[in-house]
PDB file of N, CA and C in Angstrom:
ATOM      1  N   UNK A   1       0.739  -1.151   0.088  1.00  0.00           N
ATOM      2  CA  UNK A   1       0.077   0.013  -0.039  1.00  0.00           C
ATOM      3  C   UNK A   1       0.882   1.234  -0.063  1.00  0.00           C
ATOM      4  N   UNK A   2       0.497   2.146  -0.804  1.00  0.00           N
ATOM      5  CA  UNK A   2       1.412   3.370  -1.076  1.00  0.00           C
ATOM      6  C   UNK A   2       0.530   4.376  -0.146  1.00  0.00           C
ATOM      7  N   UNK A   3       1.425   5.441   0.616  1.00  0.00           N
ATOM      8  CA  UNK A   3       0.690   6.175   1.714  1.00  0.00           C
ATOM      9  C   UNK A   3       1.704   7.547   1.776  1.00  0.00           C
ATOM     10  N   UNK A   4       0.917   8.554   1.653  1.00  0.00           N
ATOM     11  CA  UNK A   4       1.816   9.921   1.862  1.00  0.00           C
ATOM     12  C   UNK A   4       2.139  10.158   3.392  1.00  0.00           C
ATOM     13  N   UNK A   5       3.327  10.575   3.449  1.00  0.00           N
ATOM     14  CA  UNK A   5       3.858  10.902   4.965  1.00  0.00           C
ATOM     15  C   UNK A   5       4.309  12.248   4.747  1.00  0.00           C
ATOM     16  N   UNK A   6       3.855  13.123   5.769  1.00  0.00           N
ATOM     17  CA  UNK A   6       4.488  14.377   5.935  1.00  0.00           C
ATOM     18  C   UNK A   6       5.324  14.445   7.317  1.00  0.00           C
ATOM     19  N   UNK A   7       6.700  15.031   7.086  1.00  0.00           N
ATOM     20  CA  UNK A   7       7.581  14.991   8.069  1.00  0.00           C
ATOM     21  C   UNK A   7       7.201  15.641   9.449  1.00  0.00           C
ATOM     22  N   UNK A   8       6.126  16.556   9.262  1.00  0.00           N
ATOM     23  CA  UNK A   8       5.543  17.071  10.560  1.00  0.00           C
ATOM     24  C   UNK A   8       4.785  16.205  11.383  1.00  0.00           C
ATOM     25  N   UNK A   9       4.337  15.055  10.778  1.00  0.00           N
ATOM     26  CA  UNK A   9       3.466  13.977  11.468  1.00  0.00           C
ATOM     27  C   UNK A   9       4.536  12.854  12.100  1.00  0.00           C
ATOM     28  N   UNK A  10       5.767  12.730  11.535  1.00  0.00           N
ATOM     29  CA  UNK A  10       6.846  11.858  11.974  1.00  0.00           C
ATOM     30  C   UNK A  10       7.039  11.863  13.363  1.00  0.00           C
ATOM     31  N   UNK A  11       7.280  10.996  14.283  1.00  0.00           N
ATOM     32  CA  UNK A  11       7.703  11.276  15.652  1.00  0.00           C
ATOM     33  C   UNK A  11       9.482  11.656  15.722  1.00  0.00           C
ATOM     34  N   UNK A  12       9.711  12.569  16.572  1.00  0.00           N
ATOM     35  CA  UNK A  12      11.014  12.966  16.704  1.00  0.00           C
ATOM     36  C   UNK A  12      11.720  12.249  17.837  1.00  0.00           C
ATOM     37  N   UNK A  13      12.721  11.613  17.668  1.00  0.00           N
ATOM     38  CA  UNK A  13      13.634  10.893  18.798  1.00  0.00           C
ATOM     39  C   UNK A  13      14.542  11.562  19.291  1.00  0.00           C
ATOM     40  N   UNK A  14      14.642  11.863  20.422  1.00  0.00           N
ATOM     41  CA  UNK A  14      15.913  12.550  21.361  1.00  0.00           C
ATOM     42  C   UNK A  14      16.774  11.357  21.555  1.00  0.00           C
ATOM     43  N   UNK A  15      17.939  11.416  20.467  1.00  0.00           N
ATOM     44  CA  UNK A  15      18.883  10.139  20.516  1.00  0.00           C
ATOM     45  C   UNK A  15      19.843  10.238  21.725  1.00  0.00           C
ATOM     46  N   UNK A  16      20.173  11.438  21.949  1.00  0.00           N
ATOM     47  CA  UNK A  16      21.077  11.941  23.087  1.00  0.00           C
ATOM     48  C   UNK A  16      21.152  13.520  23.253  1.00  0.00           C
ATOM     49  N   UNK A  17      21.588  14.118  24.150  1.00  0.00           N
ATOM     50  CA  UNK A  17      21.245  15.442  24.455  1.00  0.00           C
ATOM     51  C   UNK A  17      21.569  16.450  23.199  1.00  0.00           C
ATOM     52  N   UNK A  18      22.490  15.848  22.273  1.00  0.00           N
ATOM     53  CA  UNK A  18      23.010  16.602  21.122  1.00  0.00           C
ATOM     54  C   UNK A  18      22.311  16.410  19.965  1.00  0.00           C
ATOM     55  N   UNK A  19      21.428  15.345  19.846  1.00  0.00           N
ATOM     56  CA  UNK A  19      20.928  14.876  18.490  1.00  0.00           C
ATOM     57  C   UNK A  19      19.464  14.381  18.627  1.00  0.00           C
ATOM     58  N   UNK A  20      18.806  14.895  17.337  1.00  0.00           N
ATOM     59  CA  UNK A  20      17.301  14.459  17.290  1.00  0.00           C
ATOM     60  C   UNK A  20      17.173  13.979  15.989  1.00  0.00           C
ATOM     61  N   UNK A  21      16.346  12.882  15.772  1.00  0.00           N
ATOM     62  CA  UNK A  21      16.094  12.363  14.425  1.00  0.00           C
ATOM     63  C   UNK A  21      14.679  11.971  14.189  1.00  0.00           C
ATOM     64  N   UNK A  22      14.347  11.993  13.013  1.00  0.00           N
ATOM     65  CA  UNK A  22      12.917  11.347  12.445  1.00  0.00           C
ATOM     66  C   UNK A  22      13.330  10.529  11.314  1.00  0.00           C
ATOM     67  N   UNK A  23      12.666   9.441  11.269  1.00  0.00           N
ATOM     68  CA  UNK A  23      13.102   8.225  10.482  1.00  0.00           C
ATOM     69  C   UNK A  23      11.567   8.065   9.460  1.00  0.00           C
ATOM     70  N   UNK A  24      11.856   7.783   8.247  1.00  0.00           N
ATOM     71  CA  UNK A  24      10.703   7.303   7.311  1.00  0.00           C
ATOM     72  C   UNK A  24      11.768   6.073   6.396  1.00  0.00           C
ATOM     73  N   UNK A  25      11.164   4.940   6.415  1.00  0.00           N
ATOM     74  CA  UNK A  25      11.870   3.831   5.691  1.00  0.00           C
ATOM     75  C   UNK A  25      10.918   2.900   5.237  1.00  0.00           C
ATOM     76  N   UNK A  26      11.390   2.123   4.075  1.00  0.00           N
ATOM     77  CA  UNK A  26      10.784   1.117   3.460  1.00  0.00           C
ATOM     78  C   UNK A  26      11.483  -0.103   3.646  1.00  0.00           C
ATOM     79  N   UNK A  27      11.336  -1.125   2.801  1.00  0.00           N
ATOM     80  CA  UNK A  27      11.908  -2.379   2.849  1.00  0.00           C
ATOM     81  C   UNK A  27      13.345  -2.136   2.288  1.00  0.00           C
ATOM     82  N   UNK A  28      13.590  -1.203   1.383  1.00  0.00           N
ATOM     83  CA  UNK A  28      15.036  -1.005   0.815  1.00  0.00           C
ATOM     84  C   UNK A  28      15.731   0.176   1.039  1.00  0.00           C
ATOM     85  N   UNK A  29      15.215   1.288   1.632  1.00  0.00           N
ATOM     86  CA  UNK A  29      15.793   2.491   1.842  1.00  0.00           C
ATOM     87  C   UNK A  29      15.186   3.150   3.191  1.00  0.00           C
ATOM     88  N   UNK A  30      16.141   4.070   3.746  1.00  0.00           N
ATOM     89  CA  UNK A  30      15.603   4.893   5.044  1.00  0.00           C
ATOM     90  C   UNK A  30      16.168   6.063   4.571  1.00  0.00           C
ATOM     91  N   UNK A  31      15.234   7.227   5.205  1.00  0.00           N
ATOM     92  CA  UNK A  31      15.648   8.685   5.102  1.00  0.00           C
ATOM     93  C   UNK A  31      15.529   9.019   6.581  1.00  0.00           C
ATOM     94  N   UNK A  32      16.622   9.827   7.026  1.00  0.00           N
ATOM     95  CA  UNK A  32      16.445  10.404   8.485  1.00  0.00           C
ATOM     96  C   UNK A  32      16.688  12.124   8.184  1.00  0.00           C
ATOM     97  N   UNK A  33      15.862  12.772   8.954  1.00  0.00           N
ATOM     98  CA  UNK A  33      16.028  14.004   9.049  1.00  0.00           C
ATOM     99  C   UNK A  33      16.543  14.201  10.430  1.00  0.00           C
ATOM    100  N   UNK A  34      17.699  14.998  10.612  1.00  0.00           N
ATOM    101  CA  UNK A  34      18.331  15.116  11.707  1.00  0.00           C
ATOM    102  C   UNK A  34      18.766  16.524  12.153  1.00  0.00           C
ATOM    103  N   UNK A  35      18.799  16.781  13.502  1.00  0.00           N
ATOM    104  CA  UNK A  35      19.333  18.072  14.096  1.00  0.00           C
ATOM    105  C   UNK A  35      20.355  17.782  15.128  1.00  0.00           C
ATOM    106  N   UNK A  36      21.446  18.470  15.113  1.00  0.00           N
ATOM    107  CA  UNK A  36      22.516  18.361  15.870  1.00  0.00           C
ATOM    108  C   UNK A  36      22.981  19.613  16.573  1.00  0.00           C
ATOM    109  N   UNK A  37      23.464  19.613  17.981  1.00  0.00           N
ATOM    110  CA  UNK A  37      23.961  20.772  18.507  1.00  0.00           C
ATOM    111  C   UNK A  37      25.487  20.883  18.267  1.00  0.00           C
ATOM    112  N   UNK A  38      25.847  22.225  18.143  1.00  0.00           N
ATOM    113  CA  UNK A  38      27.178  22.476  17.960  1.00  0.00           C
ATOM    114  C   UNK A  38      28.053  21.572  18.676  1.00  0.00           C
ATOM    115  N   UNK A  39      29.223  21.344  17.952  1.00  0.00           N
ATOM    116  CA  UNK A  39      30.385  20.317  18.763  1.00  0.00           C
ATOM    117  C   UNK A  39      30.102  18.762  18.853  1.00  0.00           C
ATOM    118  N   UNK A  40      29.008  18.282  18.532  1.00  0.00           N
ATOM    119  CA  UNK A  40      28.588  17.075  18.627  1.00  0.00           C
ATOM    120  C   UNK A  40      29.369  16.209  17.654  1.00  0.00           C
ATOM    121  N   UNK A  41      29.934  14.906  18.017  1.00  0.00           N
ATOM    122  CA  UNK A  41      30.985  14.175  17.151  1.00  0.00           C
ATOM    123  C   UNK A  41      30.269  12.895  17.019  1.00  0.00           C
ATOM    124  N   UNK A  42      29.855  12.398  15.763  1.00  0.00           N
ATOM    125  CA  UNK A  42      29.441  11.196  15.493  1.00  0.00           C
ATOM    126  C   UNK A  42      30.789  10.307  15.292  1.00  0.00           C
ATOM    127  N   UNK A  43      30.919   9.353  16.273  1.00  0.00           N
ATOM    128  CA  UNK A  43      32.142   8.492  16.508  1.00  0.00           C
ATOM    129  C   UNK A  43      32.321   7.804  15.406  1.00  0.00           C
ATOM    130  N   UNK A  44      33.835   7.524  15.108  1.00  0.00           N
ATOM    131  CA  UNK A  44      34.112   6.750  14.080  1.00  0.00           C
ATOM    132  C   UNK A  44      33.527   5.349  13.858  1.00  0.00           C
ATOM    133  N   UNK A  45      32.835   5.055  12.742  1.00  0.00           N
ATOM    134  CA  UNK A  45      32.133   3.827  12.585  1.00  0.00           C
ATOM    135  C   UNK A  45      31.899   3.730  11.270  1.00  0.00           C
ATOM    136  N   UNK A  46      31.605   2.187  10.884  1.00  0.00           N
ATOM    137  CA  UNK A  46      31.169   2.097   9.373  1.00  0.00           C
ATOM    138  C   UNK A  46      30.100   1.091   9.485  1.00  0.00           C
ATOM    139  N   UNK A  47      29.282   0.976   8.334  1.00  0.00           N
ATOM    140  CA  UNK A  47      28.177  -0.059   8.057  1.00  0.00           C
ATOM    141  C   UNK A  47      28.034  -0.441   6.676  1.00  0.00           C
ATOM    142  N   UNK A  48      27.345  -1.407   6.802  1.00  0.00           N
ATOM    143  CA  UNK A  48      26.974  -2.001   5.380  1.00  0.00           C
ATOM    144  C   UNK A  48      26.323  -1.087   4.538  1.00  0.00           C
ATOM    145  N   UNK A  49      25.642  -0.135   4.862  1.00  0.00           N
ATOM    146  CA  UNK A  49      24.732   0.670   4.121  1.00  0.00           C
ATOM    147  C   UNK A  49      25.422   1.592   3.354  1.00  0.00           C
ATOM    148  N   UNK A  50      25.374   1.941   2.226  1.00  0.00           N
ATOM    149  CA  UNK A  50      25.548   3.057   1.227  1.00  0.00           C
ATOM    150  C   UNK A  50      24.886   4.268   1.799  1.00  0.00           C
ATOM    151  N   UNK A  51      25.498   5.614   2.078  1.00  0.00           N
ATOM    152  CA  UNK A  51      24.913   6.678   2.751  1.00  0.00           C
ATOM    153  C   UNK A  51      24.907   7.935   1.639  1.00  0.00           C
ATOM    154  N   UNK A  52      23.834   8.671   1.624  1.00  0.00           N
ATOM    155  CA  UNK A  52      24.009   9.965   1.157  1.00  0.00           C
ATOM    156  C   UNK A  52      23.843  10.988   2.236  1.00  0.00           C
ATOM    157  N   UNK A  53      24.445  12.005   2.510  1.00  0.00           N
ATOM    158  CA  UNK A  53      24.088  13.124   3.500  1.00  0.00           C
ATOM    159  C   UNK A  53      24.093  14.250   2.793  1.00  0.00           C
ATOM    160  N   UNK A  54      22.902  14.988   3.042  1.00  0.00           N
ATOM    161  CA  UNK A  54      22.796  16.491   2.356  1.00  0.00           C
ATOM    162  C   UNK A  54      22.381  17.280   3.657  1.00  0.00           C
ATOM    163  N   UNK A  55      23.481  18.385   3.748  1.00  0.00           N
ATOM    164  CA  UNK A  55      23.223  19.463   4.707  1.00  0.00           C
ATOM    165  C   UNK A  55      22.550  20.502   4.417  1.00  0.00           C
ATOM    166  N   UNK A  56      21.172  20.712   5.297  1.00  0.00           N
ATOM    167  CA  UNK A  56      20.399  21.749   4.871  1.00  0.00           C
ATOM    168  C   UNK A  56      20.702  23.279   5.570  1.00  0.00           C
ATOM    169  N   UNK A  57      21.438  22.992   6.886  1.00  0.00           N
ATOM    170  CA  UNK A  57      21.761  24.149   7.699  1.00  0.00           C
ATOM    171  C   UNK A  57      23.012  23.784   8.434  1.00  0.00           C
ATOM    172  N   UNK A  58      24.108  24.805   8.553  1.00  0.00           N
ATOM    173  CA  UNK A  58      25.286  24.751   9.314  1.00  0.00           C
ATOM    174  C   UNK A  58      26.210  23.828   8.437  1.00  0.00           C
ATOM    175  N   UNK A  59      27.467  23.408   9.025  1.00  0.00           N
ATOM    176  CA  UNK A  59      28.370  22.753   8.547  1.00  0.00           C
ATOM    177  C   UNK A  59      28.800  21.556   9.231  1.00  0.00           C
ATOM    178  N   UNK A  60      29.309  20.571   8.354  1.00  0.00           N
ATOM    179  CA  UNK A  60      29.796  19.276   9.086  1.00  0.00           C
ATOM    180  C   UNK A  60      31.356  18.915   8.577  1.00  0.00           C
ATOM    181  N   UNK A  61      32.219  18.490   9.407  1.00  0.00           N
ATOM    182  CA  UNK A  61      33.546  18.136   9.080  1.00  0.00           C
ATOM    183  C   UNK A  61      33.569  16.403   9.056  1.00  0.00           C
ATOM    184  N   UNK A  62      33.833  15.967   8.044  1.00  0.00           N
ATOM    185  CA  UNK A  62      33.908  14.431   7.857  1.00  0.00           C
ATOM    186  C   UNK A  62      35.422  14.047   7.883  1.00  0.00           C
ATOM    187  N   UNK A  63      35.656  12.933   8.581  1.00  0.00           N
ATOM    188  CA  UNK A  63      37.157  12.116   8.457  1.00  0.00           C
ATOM    189  C   UNK A  63      36.615  10.916   7.707  1.00  0.00           C
ATOM    190  N   UNK A  64      37.280  10.354   6.887  1.00  0.00           N
ATOM    191  CA  UNK A  64      37.192   8.930   6.254  1.00  0.00           C
ATOM    192  C   UNK A  64      38.474   8.200   6.378  1.00  0.00           C
ATOM    193  N   UNK A  65      38.245   6.737   6.540  1.00  0.00           N
ATOM    194  CA  UNK A  65      39.089   5.849   6.653  1.00  0.00           C
ATOM    195  C   UNK A  65      39.383   5.773   7.970  1.00  0.00           C
ATOM    196  N   UNK A  66      40.141   4.416   8.373  1.00  0.00           N
ATOM    197  CA  UNK A  66      40.473   4.125   9.849  1.00  0.00           C
ATOM    198  C   UNK A  66      41.325   4.974  10.280  1.00  0.00           C
ATOM    199  N   UNK A  67      42.300   5.481   9.486  1.00  0.00           N
ATOM    200  CA  UNK A  67      43.557   6.573   9.877  1.00  0.00           C
ATOM    201  C   UNK A  67      42.969   7.906   9.723  1.00  0.00           C
ATOM    202  N   UNK A  68      41.473   8.274   9.305  1.00  0.00           N
ATOM    203  CA  UNK A  68      40.954   9.489   9.339  1.00  0.00           C
ATOM    204  C   UNK A  68      41.830  10.404   8.252  1.00  0.00           C
ATOM    205  N   UNK A  69      42.901  10.074   7.437  1.00  0.00           N
ATOM    206  CA  UNK A  69      43.411  11.006   6.720  1.00  0.00           C
ATOM    207  C   UNK A  69      42.638  11.889   5.684  1.00  0.00           C
ATOM    208  N   UNK A  70      41.419  11.217   5.170  1.00  0.00           N
ATOM    209  CA  UNK A  70      40.676  12.127   4.247  1.00  0.00           C
ATOM    210  C   UNK A  70      39.797  12.892   4.927  1.00  0.00           C
ATOM    211  N   UNK A  71      39.665  14.495   4.790  1.00  0.00           N
ATOM    212  CA  UNK A  71      38.709  15.285   5.490  1.00  0.00           C
ATOM    213  C   UNK A  71      38.147  16.033   4.460  1.00  0.00           C
ATOM    214  N   UNK A  72      36.868  16.086   4.533  1.00  0.00           N
ATOM    215  CA  UNK A  72      35.885  16.966   3.914  1.00  0.00           C
ATOM    216  C   UNK A  72      35.036  17.587   4.615  1.00  0.00           C
ATOM    217  N   UNK A  73      34.992  18.994   4.318  1.00  0.00           N
ATOM    218  CA  UNK A  73      33.887  19.857   4.928  1.00  0.00           C
ATOM    219  C   UNK A  73      32.593  19.905   4.175  1.00  0.00           C
ATOM    220  N   UNK A  74      31.489  19.782   4.698  1.00  0.00           N
ATOM    221  CA  UNK A  74      30.200  20.040   4.001  1.00  0.00           C
ATOM    222  C   UNK A  74      29.555  21.193   4.663  1.00  0.00           C
ATOM    223  N   UNK A  75      29.025  22.220   3.937  1.00  0.00           N
ATOM    224  CA  UNK A  75      28.183  23.373   4.092  1.00  0.00           C
ATOM    225  C   UNK A  75      27.032  23.375   3.660  1.00  0.00           C
ATOM    226  N   UNK A  76      26.051  24.246   4.017  1.00  0.00           N
ATOM    227  CA  UNK A  76      24.495  24.326   3.684  1.00  0.00           C
ATOM    228  C   UNK A  76      24.509  23.932   1.943  1.00  0.00           C
ATOM    229  N   UNK A  77      23.661  23.121   1.757  1.00  0.00           N
ATOM    230  CA  UNK A  77      23.282  22.809   0.275  1.00  0.00           C
ATOM    231  C   UNK A  77      24.547  21.720  -0.294  1.00  0.00           C
ATOM    232  N   UNK A  78      25.444  21.387   0.564  1.00  0.00           N
ATOM    233  CA  UNK A  78      26.369  20.368   0.231  1.00  0.00           C
ATOM    234  C   UNK A  78      25.899  18.790   0.450  1.00  0.00           C
ATOM    235  N   UNK A  79      26.065  18.143  -0.544  1.00  0.00           N
ATOM    236  CA  UNK A  79      25.825  16.620  -0.500  1.00  0.00           C
ATOM    237  C   UNK A  79      26.786  15.560  -0.563  1.00  0.00           C
ATOM    238  N   UNK A  80      26.942  14.530  -0.079  1.00  0.00           N
ATOM    239  CA  UNK A  80      28.290  13.806  -0.177  1.00  0.00           C
ATOM    240  C   UNK A  80      27.603  12.182  -0.055  1.00  0.00           C
ATOM    241  N   UNK A  81      28.134  11.427  -0.888  1.00  0.00           N
ATOM    242  CA  UNK A  81      27.861  10.086  -1.052  1.00  0.00           C
ATOM    243  C   UNK A  81      28.915   9.261  -0.564  1.00  0.00           C
ATOM    244  N   UNK A  82      28.667   8.366   0.604  1.00  0.00           N
ATOM    245  CA  UNK A  82      29.629   7.722   1.543  1.00  0.00           C
ATOM    246  C   UNK A  82      29.349   6.134   1.085  1.00  0.00           C
ATOM    247  N   UNK A  83      30.412   5.338   0.392  1.00  0.00           N
ATOM    248  CA  UNK A  83      30.335   3.985   0.161  1.00  0.00           C
ATOM    249  C   UNK A  83      30.109   3.007   1.435  1.00  0.00           C
ATOM    250  N   UNK A  84      29.417   2.127   1.119  1.00  0.00           N
ATOM    251  CA  UNK A  84      29.080   0.989   2.141  1.00  0.00           C
ATOM    252  C   UNK A  84      30.615   0.698   2.757  1.00  0.00           C
ATOM    253  N   UNK A  85      30.772   0.274   4.007  1.00  0.00           N
ATOM    254  CA  UNK A  85      31.718  -0.042   4.756  1.00  0.00           C
ATOM    255  C   UNK A  85      32.935   0.789   4.834  1.00  0.00           C
ATOM    256  N   UNK A  86      32.825   2.216   4.553  1.00  0.00           N
ATOM    257  CA  UNK A  86      33.994   3.228   4.485  1.00  0.00           C
ATOM    258  C   UNK A  86      33.846   3.675   5.952  1.00  0.00           C
ATOM    259  N   UNK A  87      34.918   3.325   6.944  1.00  0.00           N
ATOM    260  CA  UNK A  87      34.816   4.338   8.275  1.00  0.00           C
ATOM    261  C   UNK A  87      34.981   5.827   8.047  1.00  0.00           C
ATOM    262  N   UNK A  88      33.915   6.413   8.985  1.00  0.00           N
ATOM    263  CA  UNK A  88      33.823   7.729   8.863  1.00  0.00           C
ATOM    264  C   UNK A  88      33.292   8.379  10.271  1.00  0.00           C
ATOM    265  N   UNK A  89      33.786   9.411  10.526  1.00  0.00           N
ATOM    266  CA  UNK A  89      33.500  10.396  11.792  1.00  0.00           C
ATOM    267  C   UNK A  89      33.027  11.665  11.298  1.00  0.00           C
ATOM    268  N   UNK A  90      32.351  12.360  12.143  1.00  0.00           N
ATOM    269  CA  UNK A  90      31.802  13.519  11.731  1.00  0.00           C
ATOM    270  C   UNK A  90      31.647  14.575  12.970  1.00  0.00           C
ATOM    271  N   UNK A  91      31.969  15.724  12.876  1.00  0.00           N
ATOM    272  CA  UNK A  91      31.991  16.836  13.692  1.00  0.00           C
ATOM    273  C   UNK A  91      30.984  17.840  13.156  1.00  0.00           C
ATOM    274  N   UNK A  92      30.024  18.297  14.051  1.00  0.00           N
ATOM    275  CA  UNK A  92      29.102  19.393  13.767  1.00  0.00           C
ATOM    276  C   UNK A  92      29.735  20.837  14.234  1.00  0.00           C
ATOM    277  N   UNK A  93      29.958  21.500  13.271  1.00  0.00           N
ATOM    278  CA  UNK A  93      30.301  22.910  13.398  1.00  0.00           C
ATOM    279  C   UNK A  93      29.401  23.809  13.299  1.00  0.00           C
ATOM    280  N   UNK A  94      28.811  24.350  14.699  1.00  0.00           N
ATOM    281  CA  UNK A  94      27.628  25.061  14.736  1.00  0.00           C
ATOM    282  C   UNK A  94      26.512  24.049  14.691  1.00  0.00           C
ATOM    283  N   UNK A  95      25.299  24.512  15.141  1.00  0.00           N
ATOM    284  CA  UNK A  95      24.079  23.748  15.150  1.00  0.00           C
ATOM    285  C   UNK A  95      23.872  23.287  13.412  1.00  0.00           C
ATOM    286  N   UNK A  96      23.478  21.928  13.550  1.00  0.00           N
ATOM    287  CA  UNK A  96      23.510  21.445  12.031  1.00  0.00           C
ATOM    288  C   UNK A  96      21.861  20.736  11.824  1.00  0.00           C
ATOM    289  N   UNK A  97      21.506  20.755  10.573  1.00  0.00           N
ATOM    290  CA  UNK A  97      20.258  20.127  10.082  1.00  0.00           C
ATOM    291  C   UNK A  97      20.893  19.538   8.843  1.00  0.00           C
ATOM    292  N   UNK A  98      20.196  18.123   8.788  1.00  0.00           N
ATOM    293  CA  UNK A  98      20.735  17.601   7.650  1.00  0.00           C
ATOM    294  C   UNK A  98      19.853  16.258   7.485  1.00  0.00           C
ATOM    295  N   UNK A  99      19.957  15.668   6.309  1.00  0.00           N
ATOM    296  CA  UNK A  99      19.030  14.494   5.813  1.00  0.00           C
ATOM    297  C   UNK A  99      19.974  13.281   5.321  1.00  0.00           C
ATOM    298  N   UNK A 100      19.910  12.292   5.659  1.00  0.00           N
ATOM    299  CA  UNK A 100      20.711  11.203   5.515  1.00  0.00           C
ATOM    300  C   UNK A 100      19.757  10.104   4.713  1.00  0.00           C
ATOM    301  N   UNK A 101      20.203   9.472   3.768  1.00  0.00           N
ATOM    302  CA  UNK A 101      19.467   8.458   3.132  1.00  0.00           C
ATOM    303  C   UNK A 101      20.284   7.133   3.106  1.00  0.00           C
ATOM    304  N   UNK A 102      19.782   5.851   3.444  1.00  0.00           N
ATOM    305  CA  UNK A 102      20.510   4.785   3.444  1.00  0.00           C
ATOM    306  C   UNK A 102      19.897   3.673   2.536  1.00  0.00           C
ATOM    307  N   UNK A 103      20.592   2.969   2.084  1.00  0.00           N
ATOM    308  CA  UNK A 103      20.379   1.670   1.330  1.00  0.00           C
ATOM    309  C   UNK A 103      21.191   0.503   1.671  1.00  0.00           C
ATOM    310  N   UNK A 104      20.618  -0.691   2.261  1.00  0.00           N
ATOM    311  CA  UNK A 104      19.451  -0.844   2.756  1.00  0.00           C
ATOM    312  C   UNK A 104      19.278  -0.057   4.056  1.00  0.00           C
ATOM    313  N   UNK A 105      18.129   0.053   4.601  1.00  0.00           N
ATOM    314  CA  UNK A 105      17.635   0.765   5.963  1.00  0.00           C
ATOM    315  C   UNK A 105      18.690   0.124   7.133  1.00  0.00           C
ATOM    316  N   UNK A 106      19.001   1.131   7.916  1.00  0.00           N
ATOM    317  CA  UNK A 106      19.805   1.174   9.132  1.00  0.00           C
ATOM    318  C   UNK A 106      19.105   0.179  10.097  1.00  0.00           C
ATOM    319  N   UNK A 107      19.166  -1.156  10.124  1.00  0.00           N
ATOM    320  CA  UNK A 107      18.604  -2.016  11.202  1.00  0.00           C
ATOM    321  C   UNK A 107      19.002  -1.593  12.532  1.00  0.00           C
ATOM    322  N   UNK A 108      20.237  -1.211  12.807  1.00  0.00           N
ATOM    323  CA  UNK A 108      20.608  -0.900  14.131  1.00  0.00           C
ATOM    324  C   UNK A 108      19.932   0.390  14.776  1.00  0.00           C
ATOM    325  N   UNK A 109      19.574   1.226  13.694  1.00  0.00           N
ATOM    326  CA  UNK A 109      18.498   2.435  14.132  1.00  0.00           C
ATOM    327  C   UNK A 109      17.226   1.889  14.513  1.00  0.00           C
ATOM    328  N   UNK A 110      16.794   0.826  13.856  1.00  0.00           N
ATOM    329  CA  UNK A 110      15.435   0.586  13.921  1.00  0.00           C
ATOM    330  C   UNK A 110      15.470  -0.373  15.256  1.00  0.00           C
ATOM    331  N   UNK A 111      16.334  -1.308  15.464  1.00  0.00           N
ATOM    332  CA  UNK A 111      16.151  -2.098  16.714  1.00  0.00           C
ATOM    333  C   UNK A 111      16.844  -1.764  17.954  1.00  0.00           C
ATOM    334  N   UNK A 112      17.393  -0.457  17.691  1.00  0.00           N
ATOM    335  CA  UNK A 112      17.917   0.160  19.165  1.00  0.00           C
ATOM    336  C   UNK A 112      19.288  -0.173  19.687  1.00  0.00           C
ATOM    337  N   UNK A 113      20.112  -0.913  18.593  1.00  0.00           N
ATOM    338  CA  UNK A 113      21.354  -1.220  18.941  1.00  0.00           C
ATOM    339  C   UNK A 113      22.650  -0.137  18.252  1.00  0.00           C
ATOM    340  N   UNK A 114      22.254   0.955  17.957  1.00  0.00           N
ATOM    341  CA  UNK A 114      23.228   1.907  17.630  1.00  0.00           C
ATOM    342  C   UNK A 114      23.560   2.917  18.931  1.00  0.00           C
ATOM    343  N   UNK A 115      24.281   2.043  19.523  1.00  0.00           N
ATOM    344  CA  UNK A 115      24.861   2.612  21.113  1.00  0.00           C
ATOM    345  C   UNK A 115      26.002   3.458  20.855  1.00  0.00           C
ATOM    346  N   UNK A 116      26.474   3.654  19.822  1.00  0.00           N
ATOM    347  CA  UNK A 116      27.606   4.517  19.587  1.00  0.00           C
ATOM    348  C   UNK A 116      27.151   5.985  19.489  1.00  0.00           C
ATOM    349  N   UNK A 117      25.785   6.180  19.130  1.00  0.00           N
ATOM    350  CA  UNK A 117      25.292   7.398  19.327  1.00  0.00           C
ATOM    351  C   UNK A 117      24.536   7.681  20.452  1.00  0.00           C
ATOM    352  N   UNK A 118      24.361   6.723  21.442  1.00  0.00           N
ATOM    353  CA  UNK A 118      23.513   7.007  22.644  1.00  0.00           C
ATOM    354  C   UNK A 118      24.241   7.127  23.835  1.00  0.00           C
ATOM    355  N   UNK A 119      25.393   7.357  23.732  1.00  0.00           N
ATOM    356  CA  UNK A 119      26.446   7.544  24.722  1.00  0.00           C
ATOM    357  C   UNK A 119      26.426   9.115  25.251  1.00  0.00           C
TER     358      UNK A 119
END
């Protein structure tokens, strides 16, 4: 069954004191709208999911690889495609609003085992 969803009707989860998210997902793809407070760090991690990140407000700094040698800054309007299984870490520079899309959906986010974010 096909159903229209309005983001204002999607429940917002307070993941930790610095991060809120809203999730919409199907069988093969997930979209998350997120808000972060300045200075929050998403710890180095990787996942089987291909990820597309689009910044709608603020700036983010990404480090890529186990050694974190590759650094890319994203600003309002920037989008990046992160391949599956690539280790990455992110720093919020100022308050940030962004949208992430994953394929397949992040099962750790659905079953609550995304403990790296809940510390």
